Amino acid sequence: MAVPKRKKSKAKTAMRRAQWLRKVTMTGLSLCPECNQPKAPHRVCPHCGYYKNKEVIEVI
């Protein structure tokens, strides 16, 4: 089994952890052209129900 020869520094550990946290916390949100609310790309807007400038679902 492989064993590290030296202890990883706190800076190297933080650098590695930062990339993972960035992937988890950052989401690719876009703005809905109808209501300007954040929504997931290529999905129906949960606030107004529009997708590609057409009303797909009726939101109460």
Protein backbone atom coordinates (compact mmCIF):
# COMPACT_ATOMS: atom_id res chain seq x y z
CA MET A 1 0.00 0.00 0.00
CA ALA A 2 1.27 3.50 -0.82
CA VAL A 3 2.23 5.65 2.14
CA PRO A 4 3.09 9.38 1.87
CA LYS A 5 6.70 10.24 2.71
CA ARG A 6 5.90 13.71 4.01
CA LYS A 7 2.96 15.32 5.77
CA LYS A 8 0.81 17.53 3.53
CA SER A 9 0.89 21.16 4.57
CA LYS A 10 -2.26 22.98 5.68
CA ALA A 11 -2.06 25.15 2.56
CA LYS A 12 -2.04 22.14 0.22
CA THR A 13 -4.94 20.57 2.10
CA ALA A 14 -6.90 23.83 1.88
CA MET A 15 -6.20 24.12 -1.87
CA ARG A 16 -7.51 20.62 -2.50
CA ARG A 17 -10.57 21.17 -0.32
CA ALA A 18 -11.35 24.53 -1.99
CA GLN A 19 -11.83 22.89 -5.40
CA TRP A 20 -14.29 20.37 -3.97
CA LEU A 21 -16.22 23.06 -2.10
CA ARG A 22 -16.37 25.18 -5.25
CA LYS A 23 -17.98 22.34 -7.19
CA VAL A 24 -20.51 21.70 -4.43
CA THR A 25 -21.53 25.30 -3.75
CA MET A 26 -21.45 26.83 -7.23
CA THR A 27 -24.44 26.06 -9.38
CA GLY A 28 -24.89 27.18 -12.94
CA LEU A 29 -27.98 29.31 -12.56
CA SER A 30 -29.34 31.53 -15.29
CA LEU A 31 -32.02 34.21 -15.26
CA CYS A 32 -35.47 33.54 -16.61
CA PRO A 33 -36.20 35.91 -19.53
CA GLU A 34 -39.86 36.26 -18.44
CA CYS A 35 -39.63 36.96 -14.69
CA ASN A 36 -35.84 37.51 -14.20
CA GLN A 37 -35.71 34.98 -11.35
CA PRO A 38 -32.78 32.54 -11.09
CA LYS A 39 -33.47 29.09 -12.56
CA ALA A 40 -31.52 26.04 -13.70
CA PRO A 41 -30.55 26.19 -17.38
CA HIS A 42 -32.63 24.11 -19.82
CA ARG A 43 -35.40 23.70 -17.25
CA VAL A 44 -38.87 25.15 -16.81
CA CYS A 45 -38.86 28.22 -14.55
CA PRO A 46 -40.44 27.25 -11.20
CA HIS A 47 -41.64 30.83 -10.62
CA CYS A 48 -43.54 31.57 -13.83
CA GLY A 49 -43.73 28.19 -15.65
CA TYR A 50 -42.14 29.40 -18.90
CA TYR A 51 -39.59 27.56 -21.04
CA LYS A 52 -38.21 29.01 -24.29
CA ASN A 53 -40.71 31.92 -24.18
CA LYS A 54 -43.70 29.56 -23.99
CA GLU A 55 -45.85 28.81 -20.97
CA VAL A 56 -45.37 25.11 -20.29
CA ILE A 57 -46.94 24.72 -16.86
CA GLU A 58 -49.44 26.82 -15.00
CA VAL A 59 -48.02 28.08 -11.71
CA ILE A 60 -50.48 28.87 -8.94
